[in-house]
C-alpha atoms as a PDB file:
ATOM      1  CA  UNK A   1       2.800 -55.405  15.641  1.00  0.00           C
ATOM      2  CA  UNK A   2      -0.155 -54.451  13.112  1.00  0.00           C
ATOM      3  CA  UNK A   3      -0.478 -51.678  10.621  1.00  0.00           C
ATOM      4  CA  UNK A   4      -3.147 -50.032  12.611  1.00  0.00           C
ATOM      5  CA  UNK A   5      -1.758 -50.582  16.183  1.00  0.00           C
ATOM      6  CA  UNK A   6       1.731 -49.464  14.649  1.00  0.00           C
ATOM      7  CA  UNK A   7       0.067 -46.018  13.478  1.00  0.00           C
ATOM      8  CA  UNK A   8      -2.204 -45.777  15.628  1.00  0.00           C
ATOM      9  CA  UNK A   9      -2.315 -41.802  17.200  1.00  0.00           C
ATOM     10  CA  UNK A  10      -1.008 -41.105  20.310  1.00  0.00           C
ATOM     11  CA  UNK A  11      -3.827 -40.256  23.340  1.00  0.00           C
ATOM     12  CA  UNK A  12      -3.358 -36.686  24.980  1.00  0.00           C
ATOM     13  CA  UNK A  13      -5.282 -35.155  27.908  1.00  0.00           C
ATOM     14  CA  UNK A  14      -7.839 -32.467  27.243  1.00  0.00           C
ATOM     15  CA  UNK A  15      -8.131 -30.134  29.709  1.00  0.00           C
ATOM     16  CA  UNK A  16     -11.161 -31.644  31.249  1.00  0.00           C
ATOM     17  CA  UNK A  17      -8.760 -34.837  31.999  1.00  0.00           C
ATOM     18  CA  UNK A  18     -10.057 -37.323  28.897  1.00  0.00           C
ATOM     19  CA  UNK A  19      -8.129 -39.180  26.445  1.00  0.00           C
ATOM     20  CA  UNK A  20      -8.439 -37.670  22.415  1.00  0.00           C
ATOM     21  CA  UNK A  21      -6.041 -38.641  19.974  1.00  0.00           C
ATOM     22  CA  UNK A  22      -4.034 -35.935  18.285  1.00  0.00           C
ATOM     23  CA  UNK A  23      -3.046 -35.821  14.969  1.00  0.00           C
ATOM     24  CA  UNK A  24      -1.191 -32.778  14.744  1.00  0.00           C
ATOM     25  CA  UNK A  25      -2.361 -30.888  12.296  1.00  0.00           C
ATOM     26  CA  UNK A  26      -3.001 -27.846  14.551  1.00  0.00           C
ATOM     27  CA  UNK A  27       1.243 -27.174  14.620  1.00  0.00           C
ATOM     28  CA  UNK A  28       0.612 -26.184  10.927  1.00  0.00           C
ATOM     29  CA  UNK A  29       0.102 -22.357  11.185  1.00  0.00           C
ATOM     30  CA  UNK A  30       3.515 -22.401  12.498  1.00  0.00           C
ATOM     31  CA  UNK A  31       5.046 -24.621   9.781  1.00  0.00           C
ATOM     32  CA  UNK A  32       3.555 -21.546   7.760  1.00  0.00           C
ATOM     33  CA  UNK A  33       5.343 -19.059  10.284  1.00  0.00           C
ATOM     34  CA  UNK A  34       8.500 -20.910   9.741  1.00  0.00           C
ATOM     35  CA  UNK A  35       8.882 -20.987   6.385  1.00  0.00           C
ATOM     36  CA  UNK A  36       7.218 -17.409   5.661  1.00  0.00           C
ATOM     37  CA  UNK A  37      10.089 -16.118   7.895  1.00  0.00           C
ATOM     38  CA  UNK A  38      12.851 -17.451   6.016  1.00  0.00           C
ATOM     39  CA  UNK A  39      11.637 -16.461   2.935  1.00  0.00           C
ATOM     40  CA  UNK A  40      10.697 -13.318   3.912  1.00  0.00           C
ATOM     41  CA  UNK A  41       8.119 -10.804   2.564  1.00  0.00           C
ATOM     42  CA  UNK A  42       7.941  -8.513  -0.149  1.00  0.00           C
ATOM     43  CA  UNK A  43       6.147  -5.213  -0.446  1.00  0.00           C
ATOM     44  CA  UNK A  44       5.555  -2.686  -3.742  1.00  0.00           C
ATOM     45  CA  UNK A  45       4.210   0.855  -2.438  1.00  0.00           C
ATOM     46  CA  UNK A  46       3.676   3.562  -5.678  1.00  0.00           C
ATOM     47  CA  UNK A  47       3.322   7.225  -4.053  1.00  0.00           C
ATOM     48  CA  UNK A  48       1.951   9.533  -6.649  1.00  0.00           C
ATOM     49  CA  UNK A  49       1.363  13.136  -6.703  1.00  0.00           C
ATOM     50  CA  UNK A  50       2.540  16.763  -7.062  1.00  0.00           C
ATOM     51  CA  UNK A  51       6.045  17.922  -6.523  1.00  0.00           C
ATOM     52  CA  UNK A  52       6.628  19.145  -3.171  1.00  0.00           C
ATOM     53  CA  UNK A  53       3.805  17.336  -1.146  1.00  0.00           C
ATOM     54  CA  UNK A  54       6.313  15.568   1.157  1.00  0.00           C
ATOM     55  CA  UNK A  55       5.663  12.201  -0.607  1.00  0.00           C
ATOM     56  CA  UNK A  56       9.518  11.510   0.313  1.00  0.00           C
ATOM     57  CA  UNK A  57       9.489  12.719   3.723  1.00  0.00           C
ATOM     58  CA  UNK A  58       6.494  10.669   4.779  1.00  0.00           C
ATOM     59  CA  UNK A  59       7.917   7.647   2.833  1.00  0.00           C
ATOM     60  CA  UNK A  60      10.869   7.927   5.092  1.00  0.00           C
ATOM     61  CA  UNK A  61       8.964   8.315   8.013  1.00  0.00           C
ATOM     62  CA  UNK A  62       6.683   4.995   7.462  1.00  0.00           C
ATOM     63  CA  UNK A  63       9.944   3.253   7.111  1.00  0.00           C
ATOM     64  CA  UNK A  64      12.622   4.608   9.020  1.00  0.00           C
ATOM     65  CA  UNK A  65      14.985   4.924   6.191  1.00  0.00           C
ATOM     66  CA  UNK A  66      16.331   7.035   3.396  1.00  0.00           C
ATOM     67  CA  UNK A  67      15.327   6.140   0.064  1.00  0.00           C
ATOM     68  CA  UNK A  68      16.278   9.758  -1.246  1.00  0.00           C
ATOM     69  CA  UNK A  69      20.020  10.314  -0.437  1.00  0.00           C
ATOM     70  CA  UNK A  70      21.136  11.434  -3.913  1.00  0.00           C
ATOM     71  CA  UNK A  71      17.793  12.956  -5.012  1.00  0.00           C
ATOM     72  CA  UNK A  72      18.280  15.903  -7.520  1.00  0.00           C
ATOM     73  CA  UNK A  73      15.570  18.751  -7.263  1.00  0.00           C
ATOM     74  CA  UNK A  74      14.894  20.690 -10.030  1.00  0.00           C
ATOM     75  CA  UNK A  75      14.135  24.184 -10.231  1.00  0.00           C
ATOM     76  CA  UNK A  76      10.749  25.651 -12.013  1.00  0.00           C
ATOM     77  CA  UNK A  77      12.026  26.009 -15.377  1.00  0.00           C
ATOM     78  CA  UNK A  78      13.340  22.432 -15.645  1.00  0.00           C
ATOM     79  CA  UNK A  79       9.838  20.995 -14.312  1.00  0.00           C
ATOM     80  CA  UNK A  80       7.896  22.670 -17.387  1.00  0.00           C
ATOM     81  CA  UNK A  81       9.842  20.317 -19.704  1.00  0.00           C
ATOM     82  CA  UNK A  82       9.963  17.118 -17.555  1.00  0.00           C
ATOM     83  CA  UNK A  83       7.977  14.343 -18.521  1.00  0.00           C
ATOM     84  CA  UNK A  84       6.173  11.859 -16.002  1.00  0.00           C
ATOM     85  CA  UNK A  85       9.376   8.986 -14.833  1.00  0.00           C
ATOM     86  CA  UNK A  86       8.939   6.095 -13.047  1.00  0.00           C
ATOM     87  CA  UNK A  87      11.946   5.859 -10.566  1.00  0.00           C
ATOM     88  CA  UNK A  88      12.485   2.678  -8.329  1.00  0.00           C
ATOM     89  CA  UNK A  89      14.042   2.213  -5.061  1.00  0.00           C
ATOM     90  CA  UNK A  90      14.396  -1.140  -3.045  1.00  0.00           C
ATOM     91  CA  UNK A  91      15.569  -1.910   0.387  1.00  0.00           C
ATOM     92  CA  UNK A  92      15.881  -4.707   2.648  1.00  0.00           C
ATOM     93  CA  UNK A  93      14.570  -3.963   5.909  1.00  0.00           C
ATOM     94  CA  UNK A  94      14.305  -6.205   9.210  1.00  0.00           C
ATOM     95  CA  UNK A  95      12.607  -5.975  12.031  1.00  0.00           C
ATOM     96  CA  UNK A  96      12.890  -8.805  14.984  1.00  0.00           C
ATOM     97  CA  UNK A  97      14.255 -11.742  12.108  1.00  0.00           C
ATOM     98  CA  UNK A  98      11.528 -11.026   9.776  1.00  0.00           C
ATOM     99  CA  UNK A  99      12.667  -9.197   6.713  1.00  0.00           C
ATOM    100  CA  UNK A 100      10.870  -7.427   4.158  1.00  0.00           C
ATOM    101  CA  UNK A 101      11.805  -6.346   0.539  1.00  0.00           C
ATOM    102  CA  UNK A 102      10.359  -2.789   0.619  1.00  0.00           C
ATOM    103  CA  UNK A 103      10.426  -1.471  -3.381  1.00  0.00           C
ATOM    104  CA  UNK A 104       8.958   2.274  -3.312  1.00  0.00           C
ATOM    105  CA  UNK A 105       7.841   3.519  -6.588  1.00  0.00           C
ATOM    106  CA  UNK A 106       8.079   7.450  -7.356  1.00  0.00           C
ATOM    107  CA  UNK A 107       6.999   8.987  -9.839  1.00  0.00           C
ATOM    108  CA  UNK A 108       8.108  12.641 -10.442  1.00  0.00           C
ATOM    109  CA  UNK A 109       6.832  15.030 -12.918  1.00  0.00           C
ATOM    110  CA  UNK A 110       3.523  13.937 -12.206  1.00  0.00           C
ATOM    111  CA  UNK A 111       0.806  16.839 -12.380  1.00  0.00           C
ATOM    112  CA  UNK A 112       3.774  19.573 -12.709  1.00  0.00           C
ATOM    113  CA  UNK A 113       3.156  20.350 -15.847  1.00  0.00           C
ATOM    114  CA  UNK A 114       1.246  23.311 -17.787  1.00  0.00           C
ATOM    115  CA  UNK A 115      -0.627  20.667 -19.887  1.00  0.00           C
ATOM    116  CA  UNK A 116      -1.171  17.378 -17.680  1.00  0.00           C
ATOM    117  CA  UNK A 117      -3.854  15.923 -20.272  1.00  0.00           C
ATOM    118  CA  UNK A 118      -3.128  11.846 -19.409  1.00  0.00           C
ATOM    119  CA  UNK A 119      -0.659  12.557 -17.270  1.00  0.00           C
ATOM    120  CA  UNK A 120      -1.343   9.334 -15.438  1.00  0.00           C
ATOM    121  CA  UNK A 121      -0.451   7.446 -18.820  1.00  0.00           C
ATOM    122  CA  UNK A 122       3.116   6.108 -17.987  1.00  0.00           C
ATOM    123  CA  UNK A 123       1.852   5.007 -14.444  1.00  0.00           C
ATOM    124  CA  UNK A 124      -0.820   2.806 -15.622  1.00  0.00           C
ATOM    125  CA  UNK A 125       1.671   1.671 -18.455  1.00  0.00           C
ATOM    126  CA  UNK A 126       4.287   0.529 -15.665  1.00  0.00           C
ATOM    127  CA  UNK A 127       1.562  -1.052 -13.624  1.00  0.00           C
ATOM    128  CA  UNK A 128       0.152  -2.639 -16.349  1.00  0.00           C
ATOM    129  CA  UNK A 129       4.081  -4.039 -17.605  1.00  0.00           C
ATOM    130  CA  UNK A 130       4.382  -5.722 -13.617  1.00  0.00           C
ATOM    131  CA  UNK A 131       1.188  -7.414 -14.516  1.00  0.00           C
ATOM    132  CA  UNK A 132       2.374  -8.918 -17.631  1.00  0.00           C
ATOM    133  CA  UNK A 133       6.118  -9.842 -16.660  1.00  0.00           C
ATOM    134  CA  UNK A 134       4.368 -11.641 -13.423  1.00  0.00           C
ATOM    135  CA  UNK A 135       2.262 -13.545 -16.027  1.00  0.00           C
ATOM    136  CA  UNK A 136       5.012 -14.514 -18.248  1.00  0.00           C
ATOM    137  CA  UNK A 137       7.082 -15.577 -15.460  1.00  0.00           C
ATOM    138  CA  UNK A 138       3.941 -17.786 -14.112  1.00  0.00           C
ATOM    139  CA  UNK A 139       3.095 -19.103 -17.294  1.00  0.00           C
ATOM    140  CA  UNK A 140       6.722 -20.243 -17.528  1.00  0.00           C
ATOM    141  CA  UNK A 141       9.033 -23.122 -16.785  1.00  0.00           C
ATOM    142  CA  UNK A 142      10.743 -21.690 -13.934  1.00  0.00           C
ATOM    143  CA  UNK A 143       7.851 -20.800 -11.541  1.00  0.00           C
ATOM    144  CA  UNK A 144       9.914 -21.214  -8.114  1.00  0.00           C
ATOM    145  CA  UNK A 145      11.431 -17.944  -7.906  1.00  0.00           C
ATOM    146  CA  UNK A 146       9.187 -15.493  -9.398  1.00  0.00           C
ATOM    147  CA  UNK A 147      10.041 -11.930  -8.734  1.00  0.00           C
ATOM    148  CA  UNK A 148       7.022  -9.802  -7.421  1.00  0.00           C
ATOM    149  CA  UNK A 149       7.604  -6.362  -8.705  1.00  0.00           C
ATOM    150  CA  UNK A 150       3.436  -5.912  -8.732  1.00  0.00           C
ATOM    151  CA  UNK A 151       2.092  -2.729  -7.486  1.00  0.00           C
ATOM    152  CA  UNK A 152       0.232  -3.569  -4.379  1.00  0.00           C
ATOM    153  CA  UNK A 153      -0.815   0.046  -2.715  1.00  0.00           C
ATOM    154  CA  UNK A 154      -0.955   3.486  -4.128  1.00  0.00           C
ATOM    155  CA  UNK A 155      -0.802   6.130  -2.101  1.00  0.00           C
ATOM    156  CA  UNK A 156      -1.953   9.406  -3.764  1.00  0.00           C
ATOM    157  CA  UNK A 157      -1.112  13.152  -2.332  1.00  0.00           C
ATOM    158  CA  UNK A 158      -4.469  15.657  -2.555  1.00  0.00           C
ATOM    159  CA  UNK A 159      -3.207  19.189  -2.078  1.00  0.00           C
ATOM    160  CA  UNK A 160      -4.123  20.745   1.164  1.00  0.00           C
ATOM    161  CA  UNK A 161      -4.674  23.857  -1.146  1.00  0.00           C
ATOM    162  CA  UNK A 162      -8.444  24.131  -2.157  1.00  0.00           C
ATOM    163  CA  UNK A 163     -12.043  22.952  -1.652  1.00  0.00           C
ATOM    164  CA  UNK A 164     -11.748  19.184  -2.332  1.00  0.00           C
ATOM    165  CA  UNK A 165     -10.144  17.228  -5.281  1.00  0.00           C
ATOM    166  CA  UNK A 166      -9.288  18.561  -8.811  1.00  0.00           C
ATOM    167  CA  UNK A 167     -10.132  17.651 -11.889  1.00  0.00           C
ATOM    168  CA  UNK A 168      -6.783  15.971 -12.338  1.00  0.00           C
ATOM    169  CA  UNK A 169      -6.791  14.047  -9.192  1.00  0.00           C
ATOM    170  CA  UNK A 170     -10.699  12.597 -10.294  1.00  0.00           C
ATOM    171  CA  UNK A 171      -8.633  11.179 -13.427  1.00  0.00           C
ATOM    172  CA  UNK A 172      -5.725   9.994 -11.751  1.00  0.00           C
ATOM    173  CA  UNK A 173      -7.691   7.789  -9.197  1.00  0.00           C
ATOM    174  CA  UNK A 174     -10.106   6.574 -11.903  1.00  0.00           C
ATOM    175  CA  UNK A 175      -7.565   5.310 -14.539  1.00  0.00           C
ATOM    176  CA  UNK A 176      -5.947   3.436 -11.784  1.00  0.00           C
ATOM    177  CA  UNK A 177      -8.851   2.241  -9.671  1.00  0.00           C
ATOM    178  CA  UNK A 178      -8.624  -1.111 -11.379  1.00  0.00           C
ATOM    179  CA  UNK A 179      -5.369  -1.333 -11.694  1.00  0.00           C
ATOM    180  CA  UNK A 180      -4.362  -0.869  -8.042  1.00  0.00           C
ATOM    181  CA  UNK A 181      -5.346  -0.142  -4.179  1.00  0.00           C
ATOM    182  CA  UNK A 182      -5.314   3.589  -4.246  1.00  0.00           C
ATOM    183  CA  UNK A 183      -5.210   5.172  -0.978  1.00  0.00           C
ATOM    184  CA  UNK A 184      -6.031   8.580  -0.888  1.00  0.00           C
ATOM    185  CA  UNK A 185      -3.879  10.942   1.256  1.00  0.00           C
ATOM    186  CA  UNK A 186      -4.447  14.724   2.585  1.00  0.00           C
ATOM    187  CA  UNK A 187      -0.872  16.039   2.211  1.00  0.00           C
ATOM    188  CA  UNK A 188       1.026  18.873   4.555  1.00  0.00           C
ATOM    189  CA  UNK A 189      -2.174  18.417   7.152  1.00  0.00           C
ATOM    190  CA  UNK A 190      -0.186  21.098   9.464  1.00  0.00           C
ATOM    191  CA  UNK A 191      -1.393  23.818   6.649  1.00  0.00           C
ATOM    192  CA  UNK A 192      -4.762  22.851   7.513  1.00  0.00           C
ATOM    193  CA  UNK A 193      -6.982  23.612  11.122  1.00  0.00           C
ATOM    194  CA  UNK A 194      -8.211  20.879  13.014  1.00  0.00           C
ATOM    195  CA  UNK A 195     -11.763  22.170  11.492  1.00  0.00           C
ATOM    196  CA  UNK A 196     -10.484  22.744   8.038  1.00  0.00           C
ATOM    197  CA  UNK A 197      -9.200  18.994   8.331  1.00  0.00           C
ATOM    198  CA  UNK A 198     -12.752  17.869   8.807  1.00  0.00           C
ATOM    199  CA  UNK A 199     -14.542  19.923   6.269  1.00  0.00           C
ATOM    200  CA  UNK A 200     -11.258  18.380   3.953  1.00  0.00           C
ATOM    201  CA  UNK A 201     -11.910  15.127   4.413  1.00  0.00           C
ATOM    202  CA  UNK A 202     -15.960  15.431   4.104  1.00  0.00           C
ATOM    203  CA  UNK A 203     -15.488  17.023   0.830  1.00  0.00           C
ATOM    204  CA  UNK A 204     -13.185  14.550  -0.534  1.00  0.00           C
ATOM    205  CA  UNK A 205     -15.341  11.515   0.642  1.00  0.00           C
ATOM    206  CA  UNK A 206     -18.492  13.224  -0.984  1.00  0.00           C
ATOM    207  CA  UNK A 207     -16.571  14.033  -4.464  1.00  0.00           C
ATOM    208  CA  UNK A 208     -14.915  10.111  -4.370  1.00  0.00           C
ATOM    209  CA  UNK A 209     -18.503   8.886  -3.716  1.00  0.00           C
ATOM    210  CA  UNK A 210     -19.808  11.699  -6.469  1.00  0.00           C
ATOM    211  CA  UNK A 211     -17.628  10.705  -9.196  1.00  0.00           C
ATOM    212  CA  UNK A 212     -17.817   7.058  -8.766  1.00  0.00           C
ATOM    213  CA  UNK A 213     -13.972   6.626  -7.761  1.00  0.00           C
ATOM    214  CA  UNK A 214     -13.372   3.306  -6.318  1.00  0.00           C
ATOM    215  CA  UNK A 215     -10.702   3.909  -3.524  1.00  0.00           C
ATOM    216  CA  UNK A 216      -9.308   0.843  -0.821  1.00  0.00           C
ATOM    217  CA  UNK A 217     -12.082  -0.247   1.229  1.00  0.00           C
ATOM    218  CA  UNK A 218     -11.264  -1.718   4.668  1.00  0.00           C
ATOM    219  CA  UNK A 219     -12.994  -5.453   4.943  1.00  0.00           C
ATOM    220  CA  UNK A 220     -15.368  -6.230   7.392  1.00  0.00           C
ATOM    221  CA  UNK A 221     -13.909  -7.317  10.664  1.00  0.00           C
ATOM    222  CA  UNK A 222     -14.299 -11.289  11.481  1.00  0.00           C
ATOM    223  CA  UNK A 223     -17.071 -11.615  14.646  1.00  0.00           C
ATOM    224  CA  UNK A 224     -14.445 -13.365  16.800  1.00  0.00           C
ATOM    225  CA  UNK A 225     -11.992 -10.551  16.716  1.00  0.00           C
ATOM    226  CA  UNK A 226     -11.214  -8.956  19.883  1.00  0.00           C
ATOM    227  CA  UNK A 227     -13.198  -5.403  20.819  1.00  0.00           C
ATOM    228  CA  UNK A 228      -9.790  -3.767  20.330  1.00  0.00           C
ATOM    229  CA  UNK A 229      -9.275  -4.337  17.297  1.00  0.00           C
ATOM    230  CA  UNK A 230     -12.652  -3.766  16.199  1.00  0.00           C
ATOM    231  CA  UNK A 231     -12.542  -0.185  17.809  1.00  0.00           C
ATOM    232  CA  UNK A 232      -9.493  -0.026  15.836  1.00  0.00           C
ATOM    233  CA  UNK A 233     -10.749  -1.227  12.396  1.00  0.00           C
ATOM    234  CA  UNK A 234     -13.844   1.488  12.915  1.00  0.00           C
ATOM    235  CA  UNK A 235     -11.120   4.299  13.645  1.00  0.00           C
ATOM    236  CA  UNK A 236      -9.482   4.071  10.559  1.00  0.00           C
ATOM    237  CA  UNK A 237     -12.471   3.712   8.354  1.00  0.00           C
ATOM    238  CA  UNK A 238     -13.744   6.890  10.269  1.00  0.00           C
ATOM    239  CA  UNK A 239     -10.490   8.434   9.247  1.00  0.00           C
ATOM    240  CA  UNK A 240     -10.101   8.606   5.799  1.00  0.00           C
ATOM    241  CA  UNK A 241      -9.081  10.060   3.815  1.00  0.00           C
ATOM    242  CA  UNK A 242      -6.217   9.663   6.121  1.00  0.00           C
ATOM    243  CA  UNK A 243      -4.485  13.964   7.318  1.00  0.00           C
ATOM    244  CA  UNK A 244      -0.573  13.260   6.886  1.00  0.00           C
ATOM    245  CA  UNK A 245       2.487  14.967   7.795  1.00  0.00           C
ATOM    246  CA  UNK A 246       5.707  13.443   7.494  1.00  0.00           C
ATOM    247  CA  UNK A 247       9.241  14.557   8.829  1.00  0.00           C
ATOM    248  CA  UNK A 248      12.583  12.790   9.890  1.00  0.00           C
ATOM    249  CA  UNK A 249      13.636  15.781  12.208  1.00  0.00           C
ATOM    250  CA  UNK A 250      13.981  14.944  15.873  1.00  0.00           C
ATOM    251  CA  UNK A 251      12.812  17.853  18.191  1.00  0.00           C
ATOM    252  CA  UNK A 252      12.362  18.371  21.754  1.00  0.00           C
ATOM    253  CA  UNK A 253       8.691  17.884  23.656  1.00  0.00           C
ATOM    254  CA  UNK A 254       7.642  17.950  26.695  1.00  0.00           C
ATOM    255  CA  UNK A 255      10.815  16.813  27.353  1.00  0.00           C
ATOM    256  CA  UNK A 256      10.902  13.990  25.251  1.00  0.00           C
ATOM    257  CA  UNK A 257      12.628  13.757  22.001  1.00  0.00           C
ATOM    258  CA  UNK A 258       9.809  13.045  18.947  1.00  0.00           C
ATOM    259  CA  UNK A 259      10.138  13.159  15.364  1.00  0.00           C
ATOM    260  CA  UNK A 260       7.921  16.479  14.245  1.00  0.00           C
ATOM    261  CA  UNK A 261       8.049  20.008  12.810  1.00  0.00           C
ATOM    262  CA  UNK A 262       8.969  22.653  14.505  1.00  0.00           C
ATOM    263  CA  UNK A 263       7.453  26.883  13.896  1.00  0.00           C
ATOM    264  CA  UNK A 264       7.315  29.502  15.878  1.00  0.00           C
ATOM    265  CA  UNK A 265       3.818  28.740  17.531  1.00  0.00           C
ATOM    266  CA  UNK A 266       4.824  25.403  18.840  1.00  0.00           C
ATOM    267  CA  UNK A 267       6.251  22.025  17.631  1.00  0.00           C
ATOM    268  CA  UNK A 268       3.748  19.703  15.007  1.00  0.00           C
ATOM    269  CA  UNK A 269       4.399  15.632  15.985  1.00  0.00           C
ATOM    270  CA  UNK A 270       4.113  13.425  14.019  1.00  0.00           C
ATOM    271  CA  UNK A 271       3.310  10.026  16.007  1.00  0.00           C
ATOM    272  CA  UNK A 272       0.333  12.295  18.002  1.00  0.00           C
ATOM    273  CA  UNK A 273      -3.064  11.254  16.945  1.00  0.00           C
ATOM    274  CA  UNK A 274      -4.426  14.376  17.920  1.00  0.00           C
ATOM    275  CA  UNK A 275      -2.123  16.073  15.240  1.00  0.00           C
ATOM    276  CA  UNK A 276      -2.629  13.878  12.635  1.00  0.00           C
ATOM    277  CA  UNK A 277      -3.152   9.880  11.150  1.00  0.00           C
ATOM    278  CA  UNK A 278       0.658   9.630  10.524  1.00  0.00           C
ATOM    279  CA  UNK A 279       0.435   6.348  12.989  1.00  0.00           C
ATOM    280  CA  UNK A 280      -3.067   5.356  11.252  1.00  0.00           C
ATOM    281  CA  UNK A 281      -1.904   5.493   7.874  1.00  0.00           C
ATOM    282  CA  UNK A 282       1.181   3.761   9.350  1.00  0.00           C
ATOM    283  CA  UNK A 283      -0.839   0.452  11.313  1.00  0.00           C
ATOM    284  CA  UNK A 284      -2.699   0.057   8.117  1.00  0.00           C
ATOM    285  CA  UNK A 285      -0.330   0.118   5.528  1.00  0.00           C
ATOM    286  CA  UNK A 286       2.012  -2.229   7.829  1.00  0.00           C
ATOM    287  CA  UNK A 287       0.811  -3.970  11.135  1.00  0.00           C
ATOM    288  CA  UNK A 288      -2.836  -4.493   9.531  1.00  0.00           C
ATOM    289  CA  UNK A 289      -3.583  -4.682   6.351  1.00  0.00           C
ATOM    290  CA  UNK A 290      -0.602  -4.940   4.208  1.00  0.00           C
ATOM    291  CA  UNK A 291      -1.293  -8.692   3.768  1.00  0.00           C
ATOM    292  CA  UNK A 292      -4.850  -7.563   2.036  1.00  0.00           C
ATOM    293  CA  UNK A 293      -3.735  -5.543  -0.214  1.00  0.00           C
ATOM    294  CA  UNK A 294      -1.734  -7.936  -1.224  1.00  0.00           C
ATOM    295  CA  UNK A 295      -4.159 -10.173  -1.321  1.00  0.00           C
ATOM    296  CA  UNK A 296      -6.391  -7.777  -3.256  1.00  0.00           C
ATOM    297  CA  UNK A 297      -4.052  -7.124  -5.848  1.00  0.00           C
ATOM    298  CA  UNK A 298      -3.491 -10.978  -6.573  1.00  0.00           C
ATOM    299  CA  UNK A 299      -7.064 -11.762  -6.678  1.00  0.00           C
ATOM    300  CA  UNK A 300      -8.863  -8.948  -7.966  1.00  0.00           C
ATOM    301  CA  UNK A 301      -6.688  -6.482  -9.641  1.00  0.00           C
ATOM    302  CA  UNK A 302      -3.765  -9.052 -11.358  1.00  0.00           C
ATOM    303  CA  UNK A 303      -7.136 -11.771 -12.327  1.00  0.00           C
ATOM    304  CA  UNK A 304      -8.795  -9.009 -13.979  1.00  0.00           C
ATOM    305  CA  UNK A 305      -5.481  -8.338 -16.211  1.00  0.00           C
ATOM    306  CA  UNK A 306      -4.575 -12.212 -16.192  1.00  0.00           C
ATOM    307  CA  UNK A 307      -8.591 -12.949 -17.931  1.00  0.00           C
ATOM    308  CA  UNK A 308      -8.272  -9.901 -20.508  1.00  0.00           C
ATOM    309  CA  UNK A 309      -4.307 -11.405 -21.330  1.00  0.00           C
ATOM    310  CA  UNK A 310      -5.863 -15.064 -21.575  1.00  0.00           C
ATOM    311  CA  UNK A 311      -8.698 -13.782 -23.621  1.00  0.00           C
ATOM    312  CA  UNK A 312      -6.560 -11.468 -26.344  1.00  0.00           C
ATOM    313  CA  UNK A 313      -3.943 -15.070 -26.393  1.00  0.00           C
ATOM    314  CA  UNK A 314      -6.590 -16.633 -27.074  1.00  0.00           C
ATOM    315  CA  UNK A 315      -7.992 -14.649 -29.942  1.00  0.00           C
ATOM    316  CA  UNK A 316      -4.889 -14.418 -31.467  1.00  0.00           C
ATOM    317  CA  UNK A 317      -4.219 -17.977 -31.388  1.00  0.00           C
ATOM    318  CA  UNK A 318      -7.527 -18.473 -32.978  1.00  0.00           C
ATOM    319  CA  UNK A 319      -6.832 -15.543 -35.804  1.00  0.00           C
ATOM    320  CA  UNK A 320      -3.273 -16.657 -36.552  1.00  0.00           C
ATOM    321  CA  UNK A 321      -5.297 -20.630 -36.833  1.00  0.00           C
ATOM    322  CA  UNK A 322      -7.517 -18.853 -40.082  1.00  0.00           C
ATOM    323  CA  UNK A 323      -4.709 -17.334 -41.064  1.00  0.00           C
ATOM    324  CA  UNK A 324      -3.408 -20.353 -42.387  1.00  0.00           C
END
């Protein structure tokens, strides 16, 4: 048996009945899938906004878990003297054999002080610290088991009371726009009527464009995507900023048990798309754009940080050489 005949690709039948050679690299996606599922996935989500806007409730509603069991609520006097803190909550979630290591980064104290000058500084410092740690691990000897704690997305909660963005909202998003994917949300949307929600969304969109704020932009659909996905993508783009409601309470509505909020005048259902954009946010964040958020973090925000860090390192090396 010659070498050529020994390793000759076995012929397979094509749909038209003709024989053609089969190499086997068509199974590569299956190999990648098995490896990814075995390794598991990680995602770091930051939530920011002043106290009382429902950040913890929304996160618990999104991932059907309780991340703040032992949280201590501060009174008004304690909040006056409170500084911005960074707290991390990590939970391992498994769904249909797929494991997700979810890290929620909370920012208690943000926007609660009388003087909020540069109250976003601890948050930007934290994001830079995660970039720096990843850069060090990537440059080290043991690169096999690098922990990725970079922040992939920041949900910024805009109060429903008012007429658009406040100065602190503008300054916060501009401070973070080149470091993380910022997704603005209108919190506690059940405080507004449908007409008020539409006006609020239009106003926020206008001000984001007016002040040149770079928020997360949905990627364009590929031409080969099915119509259902394209329609879903159009609806997501038209719904930004998402008007959301969170609730971990199960109530009775139309003979069914649903998660919602019970009021004297009726029930607000969290997962009813005619009531709020909770389902659209969940779909975007988990089902359709989680990987894109991670890709932009790695390919854009981290690469920008890496380029600056490498340039500073080279400058320091040259300076040290001339010092000697």
